[in-house]
Amino acid sequence: MLAKDNSEIITFLKDLEAQQKNLKMDLFRTCWYMRGGVTLDEAYNLSPSERELISALVKDNLETTKKTGQPFF
């Protein structure tokens, strides 16, 4: 059924808003970790799989710096 009541529409829109906020936070975080190596415009053009790869790389680097005691920030 295509018809939705107001509460279903509001719930759907709030979910989309939360997804948008999470995506923006991921993009900002990527730009911050890349220290200018990726601009925000470039980050918006990354595919989901590219964002996942960058996140995995950042996670690996964080773990390595924790193990070695080297500064990350």
Protein backbone atom coordinates (compact mmCIF):
# COMPACT_ATOMS: atom_id res chain seq x y z
CA MET A 1 0.00 0.00 0.00
CA LEU A 2 1.38 3.38 -1.01
CA ALA A 3 -0.58 5.48 1.46
CA LYS A 4 1.09 6.30 4.78
CA ASP A 5 -0.32 8.06 7.78
CA ASN A 6 1.32 11.16 9.23
CA SER A 7 3.16 9.31 11.99
CA GLU A 8 4.73 6.90 9.48
CA ILE A 9 5.83 9.78 7.28
CA ILE A 10 7.30 11.66 10.25
CA THR A 11 9.14 8.53 11.38
CA PHE A 12 10.50 8.00 7.87
CA LEU A 13 11.65 11.62 7.58
CA LYS A 14 13.33 11.51 11.01
CA ASP A 15 15.14 8.33 9.95
CA LEU A 16 16.35 10.03 6.76
CA GLU A 17 17.49 13.03 8.78
CA ALA A 18 19.47 10.77 11.14
CA GLN A 19 21.07 8.97 8.18
CA GLN A 20 22.03 12.33 6.66
CA LYS A 21 23.56 13.48 9.94
CA ASN A 22 25.56 10.25 10.27
CA LEU A 23 26.82 10.53 6.70
CA LYS A 24 27.92 14.13 7.24
CA MET A 25 29.72 13.17 10.45
CA ASP A 26 31.52 10.35 8.63
CA LEU A 27 32.56 12.75 5.86
CA PHE A 28 33.79 15.39 8.31
CA ARG A 29 35.67 12.74 10.27
CA THR A 30 37.29 11.47 7.05
CA CYS A 31 38.43 14.96 6.13
CA TRP A 32 39.81 15.53 9.62
CA TYR A 33 41.73 12.24 9.69
CA MET A 34 43.09 12.83 6.19
CA ARG A 35 44.47 16.21 7.35
CA GLY A 36 43.55 18.02 4.15
CA GLY A 37 44.35 15.07 1.88
CA VAL A 38 40.63 14.88 1.10
CA THR A 39 38.44 17.96 0.85
CA LEU A 40 34.81 17.91 1.89
CA ASP A 41 33.74 18.13 -1.76
CA GLU A 42 35.94 15.14 -2.58
CA ALA A 43 34.58 13.24 0.43
CA TYR A 44 31.01 13.77 -0.81
CA ASN A 45 32.04 12.14 -4.09
CA LEU A 46 33.42 9.00 -2.42
CA SER A 47 31.42 5.83 -2.91
CA PRO A 48 30.19 3.93 0.13
CA SER A 49 32.85 1.26 -0.44
CA GLU A 50 35.58 3.92 -0.64
CA ARG A 51 34.35 5.45 2.63
CA GLU A 52 34.44 2.00 4.25
CA LEU A 53 38.03 1.45 3.05
CA ILE A 54 39.16 4.82 4.41
CA SER A 55 37.44 4.12 7.73
CA ALA A 56 39.19 0.75 7.96
CA LEU A 57 42.52 2.41 7.20
CA VAL A 58 41.96 5.02 9.91
CA LYS A 59 40.98 2.31 12.40
CA ASP A 60 44.12 0.31 11.57
CA ASN A 61 46.28 3.40 11.98
CA LEU A 62 44.68 4.23 15.33
CA GLU A 63 45.35 0.70 16.59
CA THR A 64 48.96 0.86 15.37
CA THR A 65 49.59 4.18 17.11
CA LYS A 66 48.07 2.83 20.35
CA LYS A 67 50.35 -0.22 20.19
CA THR A 68 53.48 1.78 19.39
CA GLY A 69 52.72 4.68 21.72
CA GLN A 70 53.29 7.17 18.92
CA PRO A 71 51.13 10.30 18.81
CA PHE A 72 48.24 10.20 16.34
CA PHE A 73 46.79 13.65 16.83
